[in-house]
């Protein structure tokens, strides 16, 4: 059983994730936290390359990041939505929250799958307690 497969069998508490994301990382990195998390998401995607968007969706659920769904895919971009109880809890906390880790992960997964340089952007919908991601790749710039 690979490391990823072994970890998929375990669960962590939402409180553990909260402490790490909302308390520890911002205290360590301050204003740089979103940029570091974006890079870290890209790094995670390189370590856990996934073949399809369905694999990415499954990874998000297994990682406890929430329910990811594809809203629309075009020739050079994809719109996705992230929702779920843990996403809502992060919004309910009332403090600043960022989904740059997830955005970086999506950017790198799409780059690996599409073969083009890719970026992802988050748009928080606090009232709906969802996050919209726009993933864009440049078909003129192969990775």
N, C-alpha and C. Protein backbone atom coordinates (compact mmCIF):
# COMPACT_ATOMS: atom_id res chain seq x y z
N UNK A 1 0.85 -1.17 0.00
CA UNK A 1 0.00 0.00 0.00
C UNK A 1 0.90 1.24 0.00
N UNK A 2 0.66 2.16 -0.96
CA UNK A 2 1.47 3.37 -1.04
C UNK A 2 1.17 4.28 0.13
N UNK A 3 2.03 5.26 0.34
CA UNK A 3 1.83 6.22 1.42
C UNK A 3 0.49 6.92 1.32
N UNK A 4 0.12 7.33 0.10
CA UNK A 4 -1.15 8.01 -0.11
C UNK A 4 -2.31 7.08 0.21
N UNK A 5 -2.24 5.85 -0.25
CA UNK A 5 -3.31 4.89 0.00
C UNK A 5 -3.45 4.61 1.50
N UNK A 6 -2.34 4.52 2.20
CA UNK A 6 -2.37 4.27 3.64
C UNK A 6 -3.03 5.44 4.37
N UNK A 7 -2.70 6.66 4.01
CA UNK A 7 -3.26 7.83 4.67
C UNK A 7 -4.72 8.03 4.35
N UNK A 8 -5.17 7.56 3.18
CA UNK A 8 -6.59 7.70 2.83
C UNK A 8 -7.48 6.95 3.81
N UNK A 9 -6.92 5.97 4.49
CA UNK A 9 -7.69 5.15 5.42
C UNK A 9 -7.87 5.83 6.78
N UNK A 10 -7.16 6.92 7.03
CA UNK A 10 -7.20 7.60 8.32
C UNK A 10 -8.01 8.88 8.23
N UNK A 11 -8.44 9.37 9.34
CA UNK A 11 -9.13 10.66 9.34
C UNK A 11 -8.50 11.54 10.42
N UNK A 12 -8.64 12.86 10.23
CA UNK A 12 -8.16 13.80 11.23
C UNK A 12 -9.33 14.66 11.68
N UNK A 13 -9.15 15.32 12.79
CA UNK A 13 -10.23 16.18 13.26
C UNK A 13 -10.20 17.51 12.53
N UNK A 14 -11.35 18.11 12.40
CA UNK A 14 -11.44 19.43 11.80
C UNK A 14 -10.70 20.44 12.67
N UNK A 15 -10.67 20.21 13.96
CA UNK A 15 -9.98 21.12 14.87
C UNK A 15 -8.49 21.15 14.59
N UNK A 16 -7.92 20.02 14.28
CA UNK A 16 -6.50 19.95 13.93
C UNK A 16 -6.20 20.79 12.70
N UNK A 17 -7.04 20.66 11.69
CA UNK A 17 -6.87 21.45 10.47
C UNK A 17 -7.03 22.94 10.77
N UNK A 18 -8.02 23.27 11.59
CA UNK A 18 -8.25 24.66 11.98
C UNK A 18 -7.02 25.24 12.67
N UNK A 19 -6.48 24.53 13.64
CA UNK A 19 -5.31 25.03 14.37
C UNK A 19 -4.15 25.30 13.42
N UNK A 20 -3.94 24.38 12.51
CA UNK A 20 -2.84 24.50 11.57
C UNK A 20 -3.05 25.68 10.62
N UNK A 21 -4.20 25.74 9.95
CA UNK A 21 -4.45 26.75 8.92
C UNK A 21 -4.74 28.14 9.47
N UNK A 22 -5.57 28.22 10.51
CA UNK A 22 -6.05 29.52 10.99
C UNK A 22 -5.18 30.13 12.08
N UNK A 23 -4.43 29.31 12.78
CA UNK A 23 -3.66 29.83 13.90
C UNK A 23 -2.15 29.75 13.66
N UNK A 24 -1.64 28.56 13.43
CA UNK A 24 -0.20 28.36 13.34
C UNK A 24 0.44 29.03 12.12
N UNK A 25 -0.06 28.71 10.93
CA UNK A 25 0.58 29.24 9.71
C UNK A 25 0.56 30.76 9.63
N UNK A 26 -0.57 31.41 9.90
CA UNK A 26 -0.55 32.88 9.87
C UNK A 26 0.41 33.49 10.90
N UNK A 27 0.55 32.85 12.07
CA UNK A 27 1.50 33.34 13.06
C UNK A 27 2.94 33.20 12.58
N UNK A 28 3.21 32.13 11.85
CA UNK A 28 4.57 31.91 11.35
C UNK A 28 4.91 32.78 10.15
N UNK A 29 3.97 32.91 9.22
CA UNK A 29 4.28 33.54 7.94
C UNK A 29 3.66 34.91 7.72
N UNK A 30 2.75 35.33 8.59
CA UNK A 30 2.15 36.66 8.48
C UNK A 30 1.50 36.89 7.13
N UNK A 31 1.77 38.05 6.55
CA UNK A 31 1.15 38.44 5.28
C UNK A 31 1.55 37.54 4.11
N UNK A 32 2.63 36.80 4.26
CA UNK A 32 3.10 35.92 3.19
C UNK A 32 2.36 34.58 3.16
N UNK A 33 1.50 34.33 4.14
CA UNK A 33 0.81 33.04 4.24
C UNK A 33 0.12 32.61 2.95
N UNK A 34 -0.69 33.47 2.29
CA UNK A 34 -1.36 33.00 1.06
C UNK A 34 -0.38 32.58 -0.04
N UNK A 35 0.71 33.31 -0.19
CA UNK A 35 1.68 33.00 -1.23
C UNK A 35 2.40 31.69 -0.92
N UNK A 36 2.74 31.49 0.33
CA UNK A 36 3.41 30.25 0.75
C UNK A 36 2.47 29.06 0.58
N UNK A 37 1.20 29.25 0.93
CA UNK A 37 0.24 28.16 0.79
C UNK A 37 0.02 27.80 -0.69
N UNK A 38 0.00 28.80 -1.57
CA UNK A 38 -0.17 28.53 -3.00
C UNK A 38 1.00 27.67 -3.50
N UNK A 39 2.22 28.07 -3.13
CA UNK A 39 3.41 27.30 -3.52
C UNK A 39 3.35 25.89 -2.92
N UNK A 40 2.93 25.80 -1.66
CA UNK A 40 2.84 24.50 -1.00
C UNK A 40 1.82 23.60 -1.70
N UNK A 41 0.71 24.18 -2.16
CA UNK A 41 -0.28 23.41 -2.90
C UNK A 41 0.28 22.86 -4.19
N UNK A 42 1.06 23.68 -4.89
CA UNK A 42 1.70 23.23 -6.12
C UNK A 42 2.68 22.10 -5.82
N UNK A 43 3.42 22.24 -4.74
CA UNK A 43 4.39 21.21 -4.35
C UNK A 43 3.69 19.90 -4.01
N UNK A 44 2.57 19.98 -3.29
CA UNK A 44 1.80 18.77 -2.97
C UNK A 44 1.31 18.08 -4.24
N UNK A 45 0.87 18.87 -5.21
CA UNK A 45 0.37 18.29 -6.47
C UNK A 45 1.49 17.57 -7.22
N UNK A 46 2.70 18.08 -7.12
CA UNK A 46 3.83 17.39 -7.78
C UNK A 46 4.12 16.06 -7.09
N UNK A 47 3.93 16.02 -5.78
CA UNK A 47 4.19 14.79 -5.02
C UNK A 47 3.06 13.77 -5.18
N UNK A 48 1.85 14.27 -5.47
CA UNK A 48 0.68 13.41 -5.63
C UNK A 48 0.01 13.71 -6.97
N UNK A 49 0.69 13.38 -8.07
CA UNK A 49 0.10 13.66 -9.39
C UNK A 49 -1.13 12.78 -9.62
N UNK A 50 -2.17 13.40 -10.15
CA UNK A 50 -3.43 12.71 -10.38
C UNK A 50 -3.76 12.77 -11.87
N UNK A 51 -4.31 11.69 -12.40
CA UNK A 51 -4.50 11.56 -13.84
C UNK A 51 -5.72 12.28 -14.38
N UNK A 52 -6.77 12.43 -13.57
CA UNK A 52 -8.02 12.99 -14.07
C UNK A 52 -8.61 13.97 -13.06
N UNK A 53 -9.56 14.76 -13.52
CA UNK A 53 -10.27 15.67 -12.62
C UNK A 53 -11.06 14.88 -11.58
N UNK A 54 -11.56 13.71 -11.94
CA UNK A 54 -12.27 12.87 -10.96
C UNK A 54 -11.33 12.45 -9.83
N UNK A 55 -10.07 12.18 -10.16
CA UNK A 55 -9.07 11.86 -9.13
C UNK A 55 -8.83 13.06 -8.23
N UNK A 56 -8.80 14.26 -8.81
CA UNK A 56 -8.61 15.48 -8.03
C UNK A 56 -9.78 15.68 -7.08
N UNK A 57 -10.98 15.47 -7.57
CA UNK A 57 -12.19 15.60 -6.74
C UNK A 57 -12.12 14.63 -5.57
N UNK A 58 -11.72 13.41 -5.83
CA UNK A 58 -11.59 12.40 -4.78
C UNK A 58 -10.51 12.80 -3.77
N UNK A 59 -9.39 13.32 -4.27
CA UNK A 59 -8.31 13.75 -3.39
C UNK A 59 -8.80 14.85 -2.44
N UNK A 60 -9.54 15.82 -2.95
CA UNK A 60 -10.06 16.90 -2.11
C UNK A 60 -10.90 16.33 -0.97
N UNK A 61 -11.75 15.38 -1.27
CA UNK A 61 -12.59 14.80 -0.23
C UNK A 61 -11.75 14.03 0.79
N UNK A 62 -10.79 13.24 0.29
CA UNK A 62 -9.94 12.46 1.19
C UNK A 62 -9.07 13.36 2.06
N UNK A 63 -8.63 14.50 1.52
CA UNK A 63 -7.79 15.43 2.27
C UNK A 63 -8.59 16.26 3.26
N UNK A 64 -9.92 16.17 3.19
CA UNK A 64 -10.76 16.96 4.07
C UNK A 64 -10.89 18.41 3.65
N UNK A 65 -10.60 18.68 2.37
CA UNK A 65 -10.66 20.05 1.86
C UNK A 65 -12.08 20.44 1.46
N UNK A 66 -12.96 19.48 1.28
CA UNK A 66 -14.34 19.76 0.91
C UNK A 66 -14.76 19.06 -0.36
N UNK A 67 -15.99 19.34 -0.76
CA UNK A 67 -16.56 18.75 -1.97
C UNK A 67 -16.28 19.67 -3.14
N UNK A 68 -15.49 19.19 -4.07
CA UNK A 68 -15.11 19.95 -5.26
C UNK A 68 -15.96 19.48 -6.43
N UNK A 69 -16.47 20.43 -7.20
CA UNK A 69 -17.23 20.07 -8.39
C UNK A 69 -16.86 21.00 -9.54
N UNK A 70 -16.94 20.46 -10.74
CA UNK A 70 -16.66 21.24 -11.95
C UNK A 70 -17.95 21.94 -12.35
N UNK A 71 -17.88 23.25 -12.50
CA UNK A 71 -19.04 24.02 -12.95
C UNK A 71 -19.06 24.17 -14.46
N UNK A 72 -17.88 24.45 -15.03
CA UNK A 72 -17.78 24.64 -16.48
C UNK A 72 -16.32 24.51 -16.90
N UNK A 73 -16.10 23.85 -18.02
CA UNK A 73 -14.75 23.77 -18.59
C UNK A 73 -14.79 24.27 -20.02
N UNK A 74 -13.85 25.15 -20.33
CA UNK A 74 -13.70 25.72 -21.67
C UNK A 74 -12.36 25.27 -22.21
N UNK A 75 -11.99 25.78 -23.38
CA UNK A 75 -10.75 25.32 -24.01
C UNK A 75 -9.50 25.73 -23.24
N UNK A 76 -9.57 26.84 -22.47
CA UNK A 76 -8.37 27.27 -21.76
C UNK A 76 -8.62 27.64 -20.30
N UNK A 77 -9.77 27.22 -19.75
CA UNK A 77 -10.03 27.47 -18.33
C UNK A 77 -11.10 26.54 -17.81
N UNK A 78 -11.12 26.43 -16.50
CA UNK A 78 -12.11 25.59 -15.83
C UNK A 78 -12.58 26.31 -14.57
N UNK A 79 -13.89 26.30 -14.35
CA UNK A 79 -14.49 26.87 -13.15
C UNK A 79 -14.90 25.72 -12.24
N UNK A 80 -14.47 25.79 -10.98
CA UNK A 80 -14.80 24.76 -10.01
C UNK A 80 -15.35 25.41 -8.75
N UNK A 81 -16.11 24.63 -8.01
CA UNK A 81 -16.69 25.12 -6.75
C UNK A 81 -16.31 24.17 -5.63
N UNK A 82 -15.95 24.76 -4.49
CA UNK A 82 -15.63 23.99 -3.29
C UNK A 82 -16.64 24.35 -2.21
N UNK A 83 -17.21 23.32 -1.61
CA UNK A 83 -18.20 23.53 -0.55
C UNK A 83 -18.12 22.38 0.45
N UNK A 84 -18.93 22.49 1.48
CA UNK A 84 -19.00 21.41 2.46
C UNK A 84 -18.91 21.96 3.87
N UNK A 85 -19.15 21.09 4.85
CA UNK A 85 -19.18 21.51 6.25
C UNK A 85 -17.88 22.16 6.73
N UNK A 86 -16.74 21.62 6.34
CA UNK A 86 -15.48 22.20 6.80
C UNK A 86 -15.19 23.54 6.15
N UNK A 87 -15.60 23.70 4.91
CA UNK A 87 -15.46 24.99 4.23
C UNK A 87 -16.33 26.01 4.94
N UNK A 88 -17.56 25.64 5.25
CA UNK A 88 -18.47 26.53 5.97
C UNK A 88 -17.92 26.90 7.34
N UNK A 89 -17.35 25.94 8.04
CA UNK A 89 -16.78 26.21 9.36
C UNK A 89 -15.64 27.22 9.27
N UNK A 90 -14.84 27.13 8.20
CA UNK A 90 -13.74 28.09 8.05
C UNK A 90 -14.29 29.50 7.86
N UNK A 91 -15.38 29.64 7.13
CA UNK A 91 -16.01 30.95 6.97
C UNK A 91 -16.65 31.41 8.28
N UNK A 92 -17.29 30.49 9.00
CA UNK A 92 -17.98 30.83 10.25
C UNK A 92 -17.02 31.29 11.34
N UNK A 93 -15.77 30.90 11.24
CA UNK A 93 -14.77 31.29 12.23
C UNK A 93 -14.71 32.81 12.34
N UNK A 94 -14.95 33.50 11.25
CA UNK A 94 -14.99 34.94 11.28
C UNK A 94 -13.67 35.62 10.99
N UNK A 95 -12.59 34.91 11.12
CA UNK A 95 -11.28 35.49 10.83
C UNK A 95 -10.97 35.36 9.34
N UNK A 96 -9.79 35.80 9.00
CA UNK A 96 -9.34 35.65 7.62
C UNK A 96 -9.12 34.17 7.33
N UNK A 97 -9.54 33.75 6.17
CA UNK A 97 -9.22 32.39 5.74
C UNK A 97 -8.82 32.47 4.27
N UNK A 98 -7.97 31.56 3.90
CA UNK A 98 -7.50 31.53 2.53
C UNK A 98 -7.61 30.11 1.99
N UNK A 99 -7.85 30.02 0.71
CA UNK A 99 -7.93 28.73 0.04
C UNK A 99 -6.83 28.65 -1.02
N UNK A 100 -5.71 29.33 -0.72
CA UNK A 100 -4.59 29.34 -1.66
C UNK A 100 -3.90 27.97 -1.76
N UNK A 101 -3.92 27.19 -0.69
CA UNK A 101 -3.35 25.84 -0.76
C UNK A 101 -4.09 25.03 -1.83
N UNK A 102 -5.42 25.09 -1.78
CA UNK A 102 -6.24 24.37 -2.74
C UNK A 102 -6.05 24.93 -4.15
N UNK A 103 -5.95 26.25 -4.26
CA UNK A 103 -5.75 26.88 -5.57
C UNK A 103 -4.42 26.45 -6.19
N UNK A 104 -3.37 26.45 -5.41
CA UNK A 104 -2.07 26.01 -5.91
C UNK A 104 -2.10 24.54 -6.33
N UNK A 105 -2.77 23.73 -5.54
CA UNK A 105 -2.90 22.31 -5.87
C UNK A 105 -3.62 22.14 -7.19
N UNK A 106 -4.73 22.87 -7.37
CA UNK A 106 -5.47 22.79 -8.63
C UNK A 106 -4.64 23.26 -9.81
N UNK A 107 -3.94 24.37 -9.63
CA UNK A 107 -3.11 24.91 -10.72
C UNK A 107 -2.10 23.87 -11.19
N UNK A 108 -1.42 23.24 -10.25
CA UNK A 108 -0.39 22.27 -10.64
C UNK A 108 -0.99 21.00 -11.22
N UNK A 109 -2.10 20.53 -10.68
CA UNK A 109 -2.73 19.33 -11.23
C UNK A 109 -3.17 19.57 -12.67
N UNK A 110 -3.80 20.71 -12.93
CA UNK A 110 -4.22 21.01 -14.30
C UNK A 110 -3.02 21.20 -15.21
N UNK A 111 -1.96 21.81 -14.71
CA UNK A 111 -0.75 21.98 -15.52
C UNK A 111 -0.19 20.62 -15.92
N UNK A 112 -0.15 19.69 -14.99
CA UNK A 112 0.36 18.35 -15.28
C UNK A 112 -0.58 17.61 -16.23
N UNK A 113 -1.87 17.79 -16.08
CA UNK A 113 -2.83 17.08 -16.92
C UNK A 113 -2.95 17.69 -18.31
N UNK A 114 -2.90 19.00 -18.42
CA UNK A 114 -3.08 19.69 -19.70
C UNK A 114 -1.78 19.88 -20.46
N UNK A 115 -0.66 20.00 -19.72
CA UNK A 115 0.63 20.22 -20.36
C UNK A 115 0.94 21.68 -20.67
N UNK A 116 0.19 22.60 -20.06
CA UNK A 116 0.39 24.03 -20.27
C UNK A 116 0.58 24.73 -18.93
N UNK A 117 1.33 25.82 -18.94
CA UNK A 117 1.50 26.63 -17.73
C UNK A 117 0.12 27.08 -17.26
N UNK A 118 -0.15 26.91 -15.98
CA UNK A 118 -1.50 27.10 -15.44
C UNK A 118 -1.46 27.89 -14.13
N UNK A 119 -2.48 28.70 -13.92
CA UNK A 119 -2.67 29.42 -12.66
C UNK A 119 -4.10 29.21 -12.19
N UNK A 120 -4.31 29.34 -10.89
CA UNK A 120 -5.66 29.23 -10.33
C UNK A 120 -5.91 30.40 -9.39
N UNK A 121 -7.14 30.86 -9.39
CA UNK A 121 -7.55 31.99 -8.58
C UNK A 121 -8.77 31.60 -7.76
N UNK A 122 -8.81 32.06 -6.54
CA UNK A 122 -9.96 31.77 -5.68
C UNK A 122 -10.86 32.99 -5.56
N UNK A 123 -12.14 32.74 -5.44
CA UNK A 123 -13.11 33.79 -5.17
C UNK A 123 -14.02 33.25 -4.07
N UNK A 124 -13.92 33.85 -2.90
CA UNK A 124 -14.71 33.40 -1.77
C UNK A 124 -16.13 33.96 -1.84
N UNK A 125 -17.08 33.08 -1.64
CA UNK A 125 -18.49 33.45 -1.56
C UNK A 125 -18.93 33.21 -0.12
N UNK A 126 -18.62 34.17 0.74
CA UNK A 126 -18.84 34.00 2.18
C UNK A 126 -20.30 33.73 2.54
N UNK A 127 -21.22 34.42 1.92
CA UNK A 127 -22.63 34.20 2.25
C UNK A 127 -23.09 32.81 1.86
N UNK A 128 -22.63 32.33 0.73
CA UNK A 128 -22.99 30.99 0.26
C UNK A 128 -22.09 29.92 0.90
N UNK A 129 -21.02 30.39 1.55
CA UNK A 129 -20.05 29.49 2.20
C UNK A 129 -19.45 28.52 1.19
N UNK A 130 -19.09 29.07 0.03
CA UNK A 130 -18.44 28.29 -1.02
C UNK A 130 -17.25 29.08 -1.54
N UNK A 131 -16.40 28.40 -2.27
CA UNK A 131 -15.26 29.02 -2.93
C UNK A 131 -15.31 28.65 -4.41
N UNK A 132 -15.17 29.64 -5.26
CA UNK A 132 -15.08 29.40 -6.69
C UNK A 132 -13.62 29.50 -7.10
N UNK A 133 -13.17 28.53 -7.87
CA UNK A 133 -11.82 28.55 -8.40
C UNK A 133 -11.90 28.71 -9.91
N UNK A 134 -11.10 29.60 -10.43
CA UNK A 134 -10.92 29.72 -11.87
C UNK A 134 -9.51 29.25 -12.17
N UNK A 135 -9.41 28.19 -12.95
CA UNK A 135 -8.12 27.62 -13.34
C UNK A 135 -7.92 27.95 -14.81
N UNK A 136 -6.83 28.65 -15.11
CA UNK A 136 -6.56 29.07 -16.49
C UNK A 136 -5.22 28.54 -16.94
N UNK A 137 -5.18 28.01 -18.16
CA UNK A 137 -3.92 27.55 -18.73
C UNK A 137 -3.67 28.29 -20.03
N UNK A 138 -2.39 28.47 -20.33
CA UNK A 138 -1.97 29.20 -21.52
C UNK A 138 -1.58 28.19 -22.59
N UNK A 139 -2.41 28.05 -23.60
CA UNK A 139 -2.18 27.05 -24.65
C UNK A 139 -1.00 27.40 -25.53
N UNK A 140 -0.43 28.59 -25.35
CA UNK A 140 0.77 28.98 -26.10
C UNK A 140 2.05 28.71 -25.31
N UNK A 141 1.89 28.32 -24.05
CA UNK A 141 3.05 28.15 -23.17
C UNK A 141 3.04 26.74 -22.55
N UNK A 142 3.71 25.81 -23.24
CA UNK A 142 3.76 24.44 -22.74
C UNK A 142 4.65 24.36 -21.51
N UNK A 143 4.25 23.51 -20.58
CA UNK A 143 5.03 23.38 -19.34
C UNK A 143 6.13 22.37 -19.49
